[in-house]
C-alpha atoms as a PDB file:
ATOM      1  CA  MET A   1      56.601  18.876 201.416  1.00  0.00           C
ATOM      2  CA  PRO A   2      54.578  21.984 200.398  1.00  0.00           C
ATOM      3  CA  VAL A   3      53.851  22.566 196.760  1.00  0.00           C
ATOM      4  CA  PHE A   4      54.176  26.380 196.955  1.00  0.00           C
ATOM      5  CA  THR A   5      56.634  28.493 198.877  1.00  0.00           C
ATOM      6  CA  PHE A   6      55.985  32.164 199.546  1.00  0.00           C
ATOM      7  CA  GLU A   7      58.783  34.691 199.566  1.00  0.00           C
ATOM      8  CA  LYS A   8      58.586  37.923 201.472  1.00  0.00           C
ATOM      9  CA  ILE A   9      58.623  40.805 198.978  1.00  0.00           C
ATOM     10  CA  LEU A  10      60.392  43.877 200.341  1.00  0.00           C
ATOM     11  CA  PRO A  11      59.245  47.390 199.402  1.00  0.00           C
ATOM     12  CA  PRO A  12      61.512  49.258 196.982  1.00  0.00           C
ATOM     13  CA  VAL A  13      64.420  51.099 198.559  1.00  0.00           C
ATOM     14  CA  ARG A  14      64.117  54.888 198.319  1.00  0.00           C
ATOM     15  CA  ARG A  15      67.031  56.523 196.615  1.00  0.00           C
ATOM     16  CA  GLY A  16      67.605  60.156 197.504  1.00  0.00           C
ATOM     17  CA  PRO A  17      65.217  62.734 198.929  1.00  0.00           C
ATOM     18  CA  ILE A  18      61.520  62.806 198.084  1.00  0.00           C
ATOM     19  CA  PRO A  19      60.788  65.466 195.444  1.00  0.00           C
ATOM     20  CA  PRO A  20      58.699  68.398 196.759  1.00  0.00           C
ATOM     21  CA  ILE A  21      54.979  68.317 196.053  1.00  0.00           C
ATOM     22  CA  GLU A  22      53.703  71.264 194.034  1.00  0.00           C
ATOM     23  CA  GLN A  23      50.966  73.313 195.689  1.00  0.00           C
ATOM     24  CA  LYS A  24      49.977  75.216 192.553  1.00  0.00           C
ATOM     25  CA  GLN A  25      47.013  73.003 191.661  1.00  0.00           C
ATOM     26  CA  ARG A  26      45.308  73.595 194.982  1.00  0.00           C
ATOM     27  CA  GLY A  27      45.801  77.341 194.564  1.00  0.00           C
ATOM     28  CA  VAL A  28      44.046  77.304 191.196  1.00  0.00           C
ATOM     29  CA  ILE A  29      41.148  75.301 192.574  1.00  0.00           C
ATOM     30  CA  VAL A  30      40.799  77.654 195.532  1.00  0.00           C
ATOM     31  CA  GLN A  31      40.753  80.668 193.192  1.00  0.00           C
ATOM     32  CA  ILE A  32      37.980  79.119 191.109  1.00  0.00           C
ATOM     33  CA  LEU A  33      35.950  78.331 194.215  1.00  0.00           C
ATOM     34  CA  ASP A  34      36.451  81.888 195.508  1.00  0.00           C
ATOM     35  CA  ARG A  35      35.117  83.294 192.244  1.00  0.00           C
ATOM     36  CA  LEU A  36      32.054  81.063 192.402  1.00  0.00           C
ATOM     37  CA  VAL A  37      31.356  82.022 196.007  1.00  0.00           C
ATOM     38  CA  GLU A  38      31.745  85.734 195.237  1.00  0.00           C
ATOM     39  CA  ALA A  39      29.312  85.438 192.322  1.00  0.00           C
ATOM     40  CA  ARG A  40      26.781  83.657 194.525  1.00  0.00           C
ATOM     41  CA  ILE A  41      27.101  86.308 197.242  1.00  0.00           C
ATOM     42  CA  ARG A  42      26.553  89.075 194.677  1.00  0.00           C
ATOM     43  CA  ARG A  43      23.456  87.308 193.335  1.00  0.00           C
ATOM     44  CA  THR A  44      21.921  86.849 196.772  1.00  0.00           C
ATOM     45  CA  GLN A  45      22.607  90.485 197.671  1.00  0.00           C
ATOM     46  CA  ARG A  46      20.915  91.645 194.473  1.00  0.00           C
ATOM     47  CA  LYS A  47      17.866  89.476 195.193  1.00  0.00           C
ATOM     48  CA  GLU A  48      17.656  90.786 198.764  1.00  0.00           C
ATOM     49  CA  LYS A  49      17.897  94.393 197.579  1.00  0.00           C
ATOM     50  CA  ARG A  50      15.115  93.806 195.053  1.00  0.00           C
ATOM     51  CA  VAL A  51      12.865  92.369 197.734  1.00  0.00           C
ATOM     52  CA  ILE A  52      13.595  95.315 200.033  1.00  0.00           C
ATOM     53  CA  ALA A  53      13.017  97.769 197.186  1.00  0.00           C
ATOM     54  CA  ARG A  54       9.662  96.128 196.370  1.00  0.00           C
ATOM     55  CA  ASP A  55       8.573  96.243 199.999  1.00  0.00           C
ATOM     56  CA  GLU A  56       9.496  99.923 200.269  1.00  0.00           C
ATOM     57  CA  PHE A  57       7.633 100.652 197.038  1.00  0.00           C
ATOM     58  CA  LYS A  58       4.502  98.898 198.328  1.00  0.00           C
ATOM     59  CA  ALA A  59       4.723 100.842 201.565  1.00  0.00           C
ATOM     60  CA  LEU A  60       4.762 104.144 199.652  1.00  0.00           C
ATOM     61  CA  GLU A  61       1.535 103.336 197.764  1.00  0.00           C
END
């Protein structure tokens, strides 16, 4: 005779519909990422314009 017996544990029964998942958090994260990307794009454009302006200035000398 076995010393231990194992019982099958059933998952809990769902009662009622599943509550809707809020999407607001993802929206906030996406907005923050958009702001960071826009700032990076602005910085790179400024650096590129400075390089172009320096090259044009050297060409005029």
